[in-house]
N, C-alpha and C. Protein backbone atom coordinates (compact mmCIF):
# COMPACT_ATOMS: atom_id res chain seq x y z
N MET A 1 174.11 105.83 84.19
CA MET A 1 175.02 104.96 84.96
C MET A 1 175.23 103.67 84.14
N SER A 2 176.22 103.65 83.31
CA SER A 2 176.45 102.46 82.49
C SER A 2 177.81 101.81 82.79
N LYS A 3 178.59 102.44 83.67
CA LYS A 3 179.90 101.84 84.01
C LYS A 3 179.72 100.79 85.09
N LYS A 4 180.69 99.91 85.19
CA LYS A 4 180.69 98.88 86.22
C LYS A 4 181.28 99.47 87.49
N LEU A 5 180.70 99.14 88.61
CA LEU A 5 181.09 99.74 89.87
C LEU A 5 181.51 98.70 90.90
N THR A 6 182.52 99.04 91.72
CA THR A 6 182.87 98.20 92.85
C THR A 6 181.94 98.58 94.00
N ILE A 7 181.96 97.76 95.05
CA ILE A 7 181.05 97.99 96.16
C ILE A 7 181.32 99.34 96.85
N SER A 8 182.58 99.72 96.94
CA SER A 8 182.87 101.00 97.61
C SER A 8 182.40 102.20 96.77
N ILE A 9 182.55 102.11 95.47
CA ILE A 9 182.11 103.18 94.59
C ILE A 9 180.58 103.30 94.58
N ILE A 10 179.92 102.17 94.45
CA ILE A 10 178.45 102.19 94.43
C ILE A 10 177.91 102.70 95.75
N ALA A 11 178.54 102.30 96.87
CA ALA A 11 178.09 102.74 98.19
C ALA A 11 178.21 104.26 98.30
N LYS A 12 179.31 104.81 97.82
CA LYS A 12 179.55 106.24 97.89
C LYS A 12 178.57 106.98 96.99
N GLU A 13 178.33 106.49 95.78
CA GLU A 13 177.44 107.17 94.86
C GLU A 13 175.99 107.18 95.35
N ILE A 14 175.57 106.11 96.03
CA ILE A 14 174.20 106.04 96.52
C ILE A 14 174.08 106.70 97.89
N GLY A 15 175.18 106.70 98.64
CA GLY A 15 175.15 107.29 99.95
C GLY A 15 174.74 106.32 101.05
N ILE A 16 175.18 105.09 100.91
CA ILE A 16 174.97 104.08 101.94
C ILE A 16 176.30 103.40 102.23
N GLY A 17 176.36 102.66 103.31
CA GLY A 17 177.61 102.01 103.71
C GLY A 17 177.86 100.72 102.96
N VAL A 18 179.11 100.37 102.85
CA VAL A 18 179.50 99.08 102.23
C VAL A 18 178.89 97.94 103.03
N GLU A 19 178.92 98.03 104.35
CA GLU A 19 178.36 96.97 105.18
C GLU A 19 176.84 96.84 104.99
N THR A 20 176.20 97.93 104.69
CA THR A 20 174.74 97.90 104.41
C THR A 20 174.48 97.10 103.14
N ILE A 21 175.30 97.34 102.12
CA ILE A 21 175.14 96.59 100.88
C ILE A 21 175.38 95.09 101.14
N ARG A 22 176.42 94.80 101.92
CA ARG A 22 176.69 93.40 102.25
C ARG A 22 175.52 92.76 103.00
N TYR A 23 174.93 93.53 103.90
CA TYR A 23 173.77 93.05 104.66
C TYR A 23 172.61 92.78 103.73
N TYR A 24 172.33 93.69 102.80
CA TYR A 24 171.26 93.48 101.82
C TYR A 24 171.50 92.22 101.01
N GLU A 25 172.77 91.92 100.71
CA GLU A 25 173.10 90.69 99.99
C GLU A 25 172.78 89.48 100.85
N ARG A 26 173.19 89.55 102.13
CA ARG A 26 172.97 88.40 103.01
C ARG A 26 171.49 88.10 103.21
N ILE A 27 170.65 89.14 103.28
CA ILE A 27 169.23 88.88 103.49
C ILE A 27 168.44 88.68 102.19
N GLY A 28 169.13 88.80 101.05
CA GLY A 28 168.51 88.50 99.78
C GLY A 28 167.78 89.65 99.10
N LEU A 29 167.97 90.88 99.57
CA LEU A 29 167.35 92.01 98.89
C LEU A 29 167.99 92.27 97.54
N ILE A 30 169.30 92.05 97.46
CA ILE A 30 170.00 92.13 96.19
C ILE A 30 170.88 90.89 96.06
N THR A 31 171.25 90.59 94.84
CA THR A 31 172.14 89.43 94.63
C THR A 31 173.60 89.91 94.64
N GLN A 32 174.44 89.06 95.18
CA GLN A 32 175.86 89.38 95.22
C GLN A 32 176.47 88.95 93.88
N PRO A 33 177.17 89.89 93.23
CA PRO A 33 177.80 89.56 91.96
C PRO A 33 178.89 88.49 92.17
N GLU A 34 179.14 87.76 91.11
CA GLU A 34 180.24 86.76 91.15
C GLU A 34 181.55 87.45 91.38
N LYS A 35 182.46 86.75 92.06
CA LYS A 35 183.77 87.34 92.36
C LYS A 35 184.74 86.85 91.28
N PRO A 36 185.23 87.81 90.44
CA PRO A 36 186.15 87.41 89.38
C PRO A 36 187.56 87.17 89.96
N GLU A 37 188.44 86.71 89.13
CA GLU A 37 189.80 86.45 89.59
C GLU A 37 190.50 87.72 90.11
N SER A 38 190.12 88.88 89.60
CA SER A 38 190.72 90.12 90.06
C SER A 38 190.41 90.38 91.53
N GLY A 39 189.35 89.73 92.04
CA GLY A 39 189.03 89.86 93.45
C GLY A 39 187.99 90.92 93.76
N TYR A 40 187.65 91.79 92.82
CA TYR A 40 186.67 92.85 93.06
C TYR A 40 185.37 92.51 92.38
N ARG A 41 184.32 92.44 93.16
CA ARG A 41 182.99 92.21 92.59
C ARG A 41 182.54 93.49 91.88
N ILE A 42 181.93 93.28 90.72
CA ILE A 42 181.43 94.43 89.94
C ILE A 42 179.92 94.46 90.02
N TYR A 43 179.40 95.62 90.38
CA TYR A 43 177.96 95.86 90.52
C TYR A 43 177.46 96.56 89.26
N ASP A 44 176.39 96.00 88.67
CA ASP A 44 175.89 96.57 87.42
C ASP A 44 174.78 97.58 87.68
N ASP A 45 174.22 98.13 86.62
CA ASP A 45 173.16 99.13 86.70
C ASP A 45 171.93 98.60 87.45
N GLU A 46 171.60 97.34 87.26
CA GLU A 46 170.42 96.77 87.90
C GLU A 46 170.56 96.79 89.41
N ILE A 47 171.72 96.44 89.92
CA ILE A 47 171.94 96.46 91.38
C ILE A 47 171.94 97.89 91.85
N PHE A 48 172.55 98.81 91.07
CA PHE A 48 172.54 100.23 91.43
C PHE A 48 171.08 100.72 91.55
N LYS A 49 170.22 100.36 90.61
CA LYS A 49 168.81 100.78 90.66
C LYS A 49 168.10 100.19 91.87
N LYS A 50 168.36 98.92 92.17
CA LYS A 50 167.75 98.28 93.33
C LYS A 50 168.17 98.95 94.63
N LEU A 51 169.47 99.23 94.77
CA LEU A 51 169.96 99.90 95.98
C LEU A 51 169.37 101.29 96.11
N SER A 52 169.26 102.00 95.02
CA SER A 52 168.65 103.33 95.03
C SER A 52 167.18 103.24 95.44
N PHE A 53 166.50 102.24 94.91
CA PHE A 53 165.08 102.02 95.25
C PHE A 53 164.95 101.74 96.75
N ILE A 54 165.80 100.88 97.27
CA ILE A 54 165.77 100.53 98.69
C ILE A 54 165.99 101.79 99.54
N LYS A 55 166.95 102.60 99.17
CA LYS A 55 167.24 103.80 99.95
C LYS A 55 166.02 104.74 99.95
N ARG A 56 165.42 104.96 98.79
CA ARG A 56 164.24 105.84 98.72
C ARG A 56 163.06 105.26 99.49
N ALA A 57 162.85 103.95 99.40
CA ALA A 57 161.76 103.32 100.14
C ALA A 57 161.97 103.43 101.66
N LYS A 58 163.21 103.31 102.10
CA LYS A 58 163.53 103.48 103.53
C LYS A 58 163.22 104.89 103.98
N LYS A 59 163.49 105.88 103.10
CA LYS A 59 163.20 107.27 103.46
C LYS A 59 161.72 107.48 103.64
N LEU A 60 160.90 106.70 102.94
CA LEU A 60 159.43 106.76 103.10
C LEU A 60 158.95 105.98 104.32
N GLY A 61 159.91 105.31 105.02
CA GLY A 61 159.55 104.64 106.25
C GLY A 61 159.27 103.16 106.08
N PHE A 62 159.42 102.63 104.88
CA PHE A 62 159.15 101.20 104.71
C PHE A 62 160.27 100.39 105.37
N SER A 63 159.86 99.27 105.99
CA SER A 63 160.82 98.33 106.57
C SER A 63 161.45 97.51 105.48
N LEU A 64 162.55 96.84 105.79
CA LEU A 64 163.19 95.99 104.77
C LEU A 64 162.26 94.86 104.31
N ASN A 65 161.45 94.32 105.20
CA ASN A 65 160.47 93.31 104.82
C ASN A 65 159.45 93.85 103.84
N GLU A 66 158.97 95.07 104.13
CA GLU A 66 158.00 95.71 103.23
C GLU A 66 158.65 96.02 101.89
N ILE A 67 159.89 96.48 101.92
CA ILE A 67 160.61 96.78 100.68
C ILE A 67 160.79 95.50 99.87
N SER A 68 161.12 94.42 100.54
CA SER A 68 161.28 93.15 99.85
C SER A 68 159.98 92.74 99.17
N ASP A 69 158.86 92.89 99.88
CA ASP A 69 157.53 92.54 99.30
C ASP A 69 157.24 93.42 98.10
N ILE A 70 157.51 94.73 98.23
CA ILE A 70 157.24 95.66 97.11
C ILE A 70 158.12 95.31 95.89
N MET A 71 159.37 94.96 96.17
CA MET A 71 160.26 94.60 95.07
C MET A 71 159.81 93.32 94.40
N LEU A 72 159.29 92.35 95.17
CA LEU A 72 158.80 91.12 94.59
C LEU A 72 157.56 91.38 93.73
N ILE A 73 156.70 92.27 94.20
CA ILE A 73 155.49 92.61 93.43
C ILE A 73 155.88 93.33 92.14
N GLY A 74 156.84 94.24 92.27
CA GLY A 74 157.32 94.97 91.11
C GLY A 74 156.34 96.03 90.63
N ASN A 75 156.51 96.45 89.43
CA ASN A 75 155.72 97.53 88.85
C ASN A 75 154.37 97.06 88.32
N LYS A 76 154.07 95.80 88.43
CA LYS A 76 152.87 95.25 87.85
C LYS A 76 151.74 95.08 88.87
N GLY A 77 152.04 95.25 90.14
CA GLY A 77 151.03 94.94 91.18
C GLY A 77 150.64 96.16 91.99
N CYS A 78 150.02 97.11 91.35
CA CYS A 78 149.64 98.36 92.05
C CYS A 78 148.71 98.09 93.22
N LYS A 79 147.78 97.19 93.04
CA LYS A 79 146.79 96.91 94.12
C LYS A 79 147.49 96.38 95.36
N GLU A 80 148.44 95.45 95.16
CA GLU A 80 149.15 94.87 96.30
C GLU A 80 150.10 95.91 96.93
N THR A 81 150.76 96.67 96.10
CA THR A 81 151.67 97.71 96.61
C THR A 81 150.88 98.79 97.34
N LYS A 82 149.73 99.14 96.83
CA LYS A 82 148.86 100.12 97.48
C LYS A 82 148.46 99.63 98.85
N LYS A 83 148.19 98.36 99.00
CA LYS A 83 147.81 97.80 100.30
C LYS A 83 148.96 97.95 101.31
N ILE A 84 150.18 97.68 100.87
CA ILE A 84 151.35 97.84 101.75
C ILE A 84 151.52 99.29 102.14
N ALA A 85 151.38 100.20 101.15
CA ALA A 85 151.54 101.64 101.41
C ALA A 85 150.41 102.16 102.32
N THR A 86 149.21 101.67 102.15
CA THR A 86 148.08 102.07 103.00
C THR A 86 148.32 101.67 104.44
N LEU A 87 148.80 100.45 104.64
CA LEU A 87 149.11 100.00 106.02
C LEU A 87 150.25 100.82 106.60
N LYS A 88 151.25 101.18 105.80
CA LYS A 88 152.36 102.01 106.28
C LYS A 88 151.83 103.39 106.68
N LEU A 89 150.96 103.96 105.86
CA LEU A 89 150.38 105.28 106.15
C LEU A 89 149.63 105.26 107.46
N LEU A 90 148.86 104.20 107.71
CA LEU A 90 148.13 104.07 108.96
C LEU A 90 149.08 104.03 110.13
N LYS A 91 150.19 103.28 110.00
CA LYS A 91 151.18 103.22 111.07
C LYS A 91 151.82 104.60 111.32
N VAL A 92 152.10 105.31 110.24
CA VAL A 92 152.72 106.64 110.35
C VAL A 92 151.75 107.60 111.05
N LYS A 93 150.48 107.57 110.66
CA LYS A 93 149.48 108.44 111.30
C LYS A 93 149.32 108.10 112.78
N ASN A 94 149.35 106.83 113.13
CA ASN A 94 149.27 106.43 114.53
C ASN A 94 150.49 106.92 115.31
N LYS A 95 151.66 106.83 114.67
CA LYS A 95 152.88 107.32 115.32
C LYS A 95 152.82 108.82 115.51
N ILE A 96 152.30 109.54 114.53
CA ILE A 96 152.15 111.00 114.65
C ILE A 96 151.21 111.30 115.81
N ASN A 97 150.11 110.60 115.92
CA ASN A 97 149.17 110.83 117.03
C ASN A 97 149.85 110.57 118.36
N ASP A 98 150.64 109.49 118.44
CA ASP A 98 151.38 109.20 119.68
C ASP A 98 152.36 110.32 120.01
N LEU A 99 153.08 110.80 119.00
CA LEU A 99 154.05 111.88 119.21
C LEU A 99 153.37 113.18 119.63
N GLU A 100 152.21 113.47 119.05
CA GLU A 100 151.47 114.66 119.44
C GLU A 100 151.00 114.55 120.88
N SER A 101 150.56 113.38 121.30
CA SER A 101 150.17 113.13 122.68
C SER A 101 151.36 113.32 123.64
N ILE A 102 152.50 112.81 123.26
CA ILE A 102 153.72 112.97 124.05
C ILE A 102 154.07 114.45 124.15
N SER A 103 153.95 115.17 123.04
CA SER A 103 154.26 116.58 122.99
C SER A 103 153.36 117.37 123.94
N ARG A 104 152.05 117.09 123.91
CA ARG A 104 151.08 117.78 124.80
C ARG A 104 151.41 117.48 126.26
N THR A 105 151.71 116.23 126.58
CA THR A 105 152.05 115.86 127.95
C THR A 105 153.31 116.59 128.42
N LEU A 106 154.34 116.61 127.58
CA LEU A 106 155.56 117.30 127.95
C LEU A 106 155.33 118.80 128.14
N GLU A 107 154.54 119.39 127.27
CA GLU A 107 154.21 120.82 127.42
C GLU A 107 153.53 121.08 128.76
N GLN A 108 152.57 120.20 129.14
CA GLN A 108 151.86 120.35 130.41
C GLN A 108 152.83 120.19 131.58
N LEU A 109 153.72 119.24 131.49
CA LEU A 109 154.65 118.99 132.59
C LEU A 109 155.64 120.16 132.73
N ILE A 110 156.10 120.68 131.61
CA ILE A 110 157.01 121.84 131.65
C ILE A 110 156.29 123.06 132.23
N GLU A 111 155.03 123.25 131.85
CA GLU A 111 154.25 124.36 132.40
C GLU A 111 154.03 124.18 133.91
N ALA A 112 153.78 122.93 134.30
CA ALA A 112 153.60 122.66 135.74
C ALA A 112 154.89 122.96 136.51
N CYS A 113 156.02 122.69 135.89
CA CYS A 113 157.31 122.98 136.49
C CYS A 113 157.49 124.50 136.64
N ASP A 114 157.12 125.24 135.57
CA ASP A 114 157.25 126.69 135.59
C ASP A 114 156.36 127.33 136.66
N SER A 115 155.20 126.76 136.89
CA SER A 115 154.26 127.36 137.84
C SER A 115 154.42 126.77 139.25
N ASN A 116 155.43 126.02 139.47
CA ASN A 116 155.72 125.40 140.77
C ASN A 116 156.56 126.38 141.61
N SER A 117 155.95 127.50 141.99
CA SER A 117 156.70 128.56 142.69
C SER A 117 157.10 128.15 144.11
N LYS A 118 156.34 127.31 144.74
CA LYS A 118 156.64 126.92 146.13
C LYS A 118 157.59 125.71 146.14
N TYR A 119 157.92 125.22 144.97
CA TYR A 119 158.76 124.06 144.79
C TYR A 119 158.41 122.93 145.76
N THR A 120 157.36 122.26 145.37
CA THR A 120 156.88 121.12 146.17
C THR A 120 157.38 119.81 145.57
N GLY A 121 158.43 119.87 144.85
CA GLY A 121 158.96 118.71 144.14
C GLY A 121 158.80 118.94 142.66
N CYS A 122 159.49 118.14 141.91
CA CYS A 122 159.50 118.33 140.45
C CYS A 122 158.32 117.60 139.83
N PRO A 123 157.38 118.33 139.19
CA PRO A 123 156.24 117.69 138.56
C PRO A 123 156.63 116.69 137.45
N ILE A 124 157.71 116.99 136.76
CA ILE A 124 158.15 116.08 135.69
C ILE A 124 158.62 114.78 136.30
N PHE A 125 159.48 114.84 137.33
CA PHE A 125 159.98 113.67 137.99
C PHE A 125 158.81 112.89 138.62
N SER A 126 157.90 113.58 139.24
CA SER A 126 156.74 112.92 139.88
C SER A 126 155.89 112.21 138.85
N ALA A 127 155.64 112.85 137.70
CA ALA A 127 154.82 112.22 136.66
C ALA A 127 155.45 110.97 136.10
N ILE A 128 156.78 111.01 135.94
CA ILE A 128 157.49 109.86 135.40
C ILE A 128 157.54 108.74 136.42
N SER A 129 157.60 109.10 137.71
CA SER A 129 157.68 108.12 138.78
C SER A 129 156.35 107.39 139.02
N GLU A 130 155.22 108.09 138.72
CA GLU A 130 153.92 107.47 138.93
C GLU A 130 153.63 106.39 137.90
N LYS A 131 152.72 105.53 138.25
CA LYS A 131 152.29 104.51 137.30
C LYS A 131 151.42 105.11 136.23
C-alpha cells in the first residue's frame, strides 16, 4: 500500500465507515491529514496501518480507550500491553461465564414451559416477573 488514499477509498479498503474514521480523528486515535487546496485529504500508509490495527484490536474486543493505550505503548512495551490484554481476557472469561449462566437459566425455563402440561401460567413470564 504505497499510494495516497482519500477517506472514502481507505474506508472501503479497510472495511470501516467514513464517519468512523472521522470519529477516530476527533478522539485523537489518528491524526487528520492537512486539507490541500484540492479539497481532498490524503491518507498515507501510516494512517492506513493505524486504522487496520484499530479494526483488528476491536475484533479482539478491545475498547477504543484500551486501543489508544496499546498504541501509545507501541511495540516496545510488551509488559504493559500484556497487562491490558490480561485484564481484557479476564473480562471476556467473566462475560462467557455470565452468558453460560444465562444459557442454563433459559434452558431450564424452556424445559419448565414444555413440561407445563396443566398450563398453570407461563414459567418464563413468571420467572422474569419475579425479583
